[in-house]
Amino acid sequence: MKLLAVETSTEACSAALFIDGKIAERFELAPKIHTQLILPMIDSLMADAGLKPQQLDALAFSRGPGSFTGVRIATGVIQGIALGADLPVVPVSTLAAIAQDFFDNNADDVAYVAMDARMGEVFWGVYRRDAQGYAELIGFEAVTPANAVEFPDLKGVGIGSGWGVYAQELTSRLAGRVNHYHAEMLPRAGAIARLGAHDFELGLAVPVEQAMPVYLRDKVAKKESER
């Protein structure tokens, strides 16, 4: 199984190559220069592996939520490669990727994921580790004020940039369920690749024309006065 993944939905930019269970990744914190970095990252990974796009089985990308521009960059790059190499695509949730990276490096089984969505809101999703170690969504993802997030009656760990901005609101809202958080966690292409390969095996890949971004916020492209 060979799969290329990209992630550009936040200030971090990354690409990863999944080959038979092993993952190679390029990652850099680089606000506003994702378009300059992502293609060289991909070229470097493919060159090191001695692969051409046509030799891949599939592609995966961070479909959002996240920065409007960032999500569009990942979508456009993957759509271009998919069209050129006639490859299927696996869209992967940005929030799921943050949860997956956390589960792969920690013993906790429930993650309350919050990304700063600006405008006083967070992108929100609650994930648990399934029997195979993959991030499984509980309920649904949403964009919501931090003091209005919905959650199950489970104890877990807070992760994601939203915890750095709205720690007081979130800890108050989830009193008794979250006693610590990791606000520094950002989505990584390595987790997109891991989830993408798993979803591909489950038959969840789609044709390139169906590989679309998910913003959660309907009016993301409108001016502040229009919202």
Protein backbone atom coordinates (compact mmCIF):
# COMPACT_ATOMS: atom_id res chain seq x y z
CA MET A 1 0.00 0.00 0.00
CA LYS A 2 1.48 3.33 -1.10
CA LEU A 3 -0.28 6.60 -0.26
CA LEU A 4 0.74 10.25 -0.37
CA ALA A 5 -0.88 12.71 2.10
CA VAL A 6 -0.80 16.48 2.53
CA GLU A 7 -1.90 18.78 5.36
CA THR A 8 -2.00 22.60 5.13
CA SER A 9 -5.05 23.63 7.18
CA THR A 10 -3.21 25.55 9.94
CA GLU A 11 0.08 27.43 10.34
CA ALA A 12 1.82 24.06 9.92
CA CYS A 13 2.57 22.61 6.50
CA SER A 14 3.35 18.94 5.97
CA ALA A 15 3.41 16.04 3.54
CA ALA A 16 3.78 12.33 4.25
CA LEU A 17 4.30 9.10 2.37
CA PHE A 18 2.79 5.86 3.66
CA ILE A 19 4.47 2.73 2.31
CA ASP A 20 3.33 -0.63 3.67
CA GLY A 21 2.78 0.67 7.18
CA LYS A 22 5.84 2.93 7.39
CA ILE A 23 5.47 6.71 7.25
CA ALA A 24 7.99 9.32 6.10
CA GLU A 25 7.02 12.94 6.77
CA ARG A 26 8.12 16.49 6.05
CA PHE A 27 6.77 19.05 8.53
CA GLU A 28 7.36 22.76 9.03
CA LEU A 29 5.73 25.60 10.95
CA ALA A 30 5.45 28.17 8.21
CA PRO A 31 2.49 30.57 8.29
CA LYS A 32 1.44 31.97 4.91
CA ILE A 33 4.07 30.20 2.75
CA HIS A 34 2.41 26.80 2.35
CA THR A 35 2.22 27.21 -1.42
CA GLN A 36 6.02 27.59 -1.53
CA LEU A 37 6.67 24.53 0.63
CA ILE A 38 4.15 21.80 -0.10
CA LEU A 39 5.24 20.81 -3.62
CA PRO A 40 8.97 20.64 -2.72
CA MET A 41 8.02 18.52 0.30
CA ILE A 42 6.11 16.13 -1.94
CA ASP A 43 8.92 16.01 -4.51
CA SER A 44 11.45 15.25 -1.77
CA LEU A 45 9.41 12.39 -0.33
CA MET A 46 8.74 10.85 -3.71
CA ALA A 47 12.39 11.16 -4.79
CA ASP A 48 13.65 9.55 -1.59
CA ALA A 49 11.27 6.64 -2.13
CA GLY A 50 12.06 6.38 -5.84
CA LEU A 51 8.40 6.68 -6.73
CA LYS A 52 6.33 8.44 -9.37
CA PRO A 53 2.70 9.43 -8.72
CA GLN A 54 1.45 6.69 -11.05
CA GLN A 55 3.00 4.10 -8.71
CA LEU A 56 0.87 5.20 -5.76
CA ASP A 57 -2.35 3.44 -4.80
CA ALA A 58 -4.12 6.54 -3.50
CA LEU A 59 -3.85 10.07 -2.15
CA ALA A 60 -5.15 11.61 1.08
CA PHE A 61 -5.60 15.19 2.20
CA SER A 62 -6.76 17.17 5.19
CA ARG A 63 -10.27 18.16 4.09
CA GLY A 64 -10.82 20.59 6.96
CA PRO A 65 -11.98 22.21 9.04
CA GLY A 66 -9.25 24.81 9.21
CA SER A 67 -8.01 27.94 7.51
CA PHE A 68 -10.10 28.62 4.41
CA THR A 69 -7.01 29.25 2.28
CA GLY A 70 -5.06 26.40 3.83
CA VAL A 71 -7.78 23.83 3.23
CA ARG A 72 -8.08 24.98 -0.38
CA ILE A 73 -4.32 24.56 -0.90
CA ALA A 74 -4.36 20.93 0.21
CA THR A 75 -7.48 20.23 -1.83
CA GLY A 76 -6.06 21.82 -4.97
CA VAL A 77 -2.68 20.08 -4.73
CA ILE A 78 -4.22 16.65 -4.26
CA GLN A 79 -6.83 17.19 -6.98
CA GLY A 80 -4.05 18.12 -9.39
CA ILE A 81 -1.99 15.03 -8.63
CA ALA A 82 -5.05 12.78 -8.70
CA LEU A 83 -6.13 14.06 -12.10
CA GLY A 84 -2.65 13.69 -13.56
CA ALA A 85 -2.05 10.19 -12.22
CA ASP A 86 -5.65 8.91 -12.24
CA LEU A 87 -5.66 8.12 -8.52
CA PRO A 88 -8.48 7.79 -5.96
CA VAL A 89 -8.54 10.22 -3.04
CA VAL A 90 -9.29 9.83 0.65
CA PRO A 91 -10.53 13.03 2.39
CA VAL A 92 -9.57 13.00 6.09
CA SER A 93 -10.87 15.25 8.87
CA THR A 94 -8.33 17.70 10.26
CA LEU A 95 -9.76 17.14 13.74
CA ALA A 96 -9.43 13.37 13.36
CA ALA A 97 -5.79 13.82 12.37
CA ILE A 98 -5.04 15.79 15.53
CA ALA A 99 -6.73 13.07 17.59
CA GLN A 100 -4.87 10.30 15.76
CA ASP A 101 -1.49 11.91 16.34
CA PHE A 102 -2.36 12.22 20.03
CA PHE A 103 -3.50 8.60 20.35
CA ASP A 104 -0.36 7.36 18.60
CA ASN A 105 1.82 9.05 21.21
CA ASN A 106 -0.25 8.87 24.41
CA ALA A 107 -2.13 6.30 26.48
CA ASP A 108 -5.39 8.28 26.84
CA ASP A 109 -8.39 6.95 24.91
CA VAL A 110 -10.63 10.02 24.59
CA ALA A 111 -9.65 13.36 23.04
CA TYR A 112 -11.66 16.57 23.12
CA VAL A 113 -10.33 18.32 20.01
CA ALA A 114 -10.70 22.07 19.66
CA MET A 115 -9.12 24.16 16.90
CA ASP A 116 -9.26 27.95 17.07
CA ALA A 117 -11.85 28.98 14.46
CA ARG A 118 -11.51 32.69 15.29
CA MET A 119 -14.63 34.88 15.55
CA GLY A 120 -15.03 33.62 19.14
CA GLU A 121 -15.55 29.99 18.04
CA VAL A 122 -13.81 26.62 17.87
CA PHE A 123 -13.88 23.76 15.41
CA TRP A 124 -14.93 20.94 17.71
CA GLY A 125 -14.94 17.16 17.69
CA VAL A 126 -14.70 14.40 20.30
CA TYR A 127 -12.73 11.29 19.39
CA ARG A 128 -11.99 8.00 21.06
CA ARG A 129 -9.45 5.32 20.27
CA ASP A 130 -11.13 2.29 18.69
CA ALA A 131 -10.05 -1.33 19.14
CA GLN A 132 -7.50 -1.02 16.32
CA GLY A 133 -6.03 2.22 17.62
CA TYR A 134 -7.72 4.58 15.17
CA ALA A 135 -9.47 7.84 16.03
CA GLU A 136 -13.25 7.33 15.98
CA LEU A 137 -15.64 10.30 16.04
CA ILE A 138 -18.22 10.44 18.83
CA GLY A 139 -21.23 12.40 17.65
CA PHE A 140 -20.42 15.03 15.03
CA GLU A 141 -17.96 17.82 14.24
CA ALA A 142 -19.12 21.42 14.57
CA VAL A 143 -18.07 25.05 14.69
CA THR A 144 -19.41 26.55 17.91
CA PRO A 145 -18.69 29.05 20.69
CA ALA A 146 -16.32 27.47 23.18
CA ASN A 147 -18.87 27.76 25.99
CA ALA A 148 -21.48 25.85 23.95
CA VAL A 149 -19.55 22.73 22.87
CA GLU A 150 -21.38 19.41 23.12
CA PHE A 151 -19.70 16.37 24.62
CA PRO A 152 -20.32 12.84 25.91
CA ASP A 153 -20.12 11.81 29.56
CA LEU A 154 -16.54 10.59 29.26
CA LYS A 155 -13.28 11.71 30.79
CA GLY A 156 -10.58 12.68 28.32
CA VAL A 157 -7.81 15.09 27.37
CA GLY A 158 -8.17 18.43 25.64
CA ILE A 159 -6.02 18.89 22.53
CA GLY A 160 -5.64 21.50 19.82
CA SER A 161 -5.13 25.24 19.43
CA GLY A 162 -8.61 26.08 20.70
CA TRP A 163 -7.50 25.05 24.17
CA GLY A 164 -4.83 27.72 24.12
CA VAL A 165 -7.28 30.48 23.22
CA TYR A 166 -10.40 29.36 25.08
CA ALA A 167 -9.00 27.28 27.95
CA GLN A 168 -11.16 28.96 30.59
CA GLU A 169 -14.41 28.54 28.66
CA LEU A 170 -13.68 24.95 27.67
CA THR A 171 -12.50 23.75 31.06
CA SER A 172 -15.53 25.35 32.68
CA ARG A 173 -17.89 23.78 30.16
CA LEU A 174 -16.30 20.32 30.53
CA ALA A 175 -15.85 20.47 34.30
CA GLY A 176 -14.98 17.05 35.70
CA ARG A 177 -14.28 15.52 32.29
CA VAL A 178 -10.99 17.19 31.29
CA ASN A 179 -8.25 17.88 33.81
CA HIS A 180 -5.42 18.74 31.41
CA TYR A 181 -4.90 19.79 27.82
CA HIS A 182 -2.28 20.09 25.08
CA ALA A 183 -2.87 23.31 23.16
CA GLU A 184 0.31 22.99 21.08
CA MET A 185 -0.93 20.05 19.00
CA LEU A 186 -1.36 20.77 15.29
CA PRO A 187 -2.50 18.46 12.49
CA ARG A 188 0.23 16.52 10.70
CA ALA A 189 0.31 14.77 7.34
CA GLY A 190 1.65 11.63 9.00
CA ALA A 191 -1.67 11.20 10.79
CA ILE A 192 -3.56 12.04 7.59
CA ALA A 193 -1.58 9.28 5.87
CA ARG A 194 -2.29 6.75 8.63
CA LEU A 195 -6.02 7.47 8.64
CA GLY A 196 -6.11 7.73 4.85
CA ALA A 197 -4.54 4.29 4.39
CA HIS A 198 -6.99 2.81 6.89
CA ASP A 199 -9.99 4.42 5.19
CA PHE A 200 -8.72 3.29 1.79
CA GLU A 201 -8.68 -0.30 3.01
CA LEU A 202 -12.26 0.20 4.18
CA GLY A 203 -13.29 1.29 0.69
CA LEU A 204 -13.79 4.96 1.55
CA ALA A 205 -11.69 6.48 -1.24
CA VAL A 206 -13.56 8.66 -3.73
CA PRO A 207 -12.99 9.83 -7.32
CA VAL A 208 -11.14 13.13 -7.55
CA GLU A 209 -14.29 15.08 -8.46
CA GLN A 210 -15.78 14.08 -5.09
CA ALA A 211 -12.71 15.06 -3.07
CA MET A 212 -14.06 18.28 -1.60
CA PRO A 213 -13.14 20.41 1.41
CA VAL A 214 -15.27 20.68 4.54
CA TYR A 215 -15.28 24.11 6.17
CA LEU A 216 -18.10 23.60 8.73
CA ARG A 217 -18.72 27.35 8.67
CA ASP A 218 -21.13 28.12 5.82
CA LYS A 219 -20.24 31.79 5.54
CA VAL A 220 -16.47 31.38 5.77
CA ALA A 221 -15.80 33.41 2.63
CA LYS A 222 -18.02 36.38 3.52
CA LYS A 223 -16.93 39.64 5.07
CA GLU A 224 -17.22 40.16 8.82
CA SER A 225 -20.14 42.58 8.33
CA GLU A 226 -22.09 39.93 6.39
CA ARG A 227 -21.82 37.19 9.03
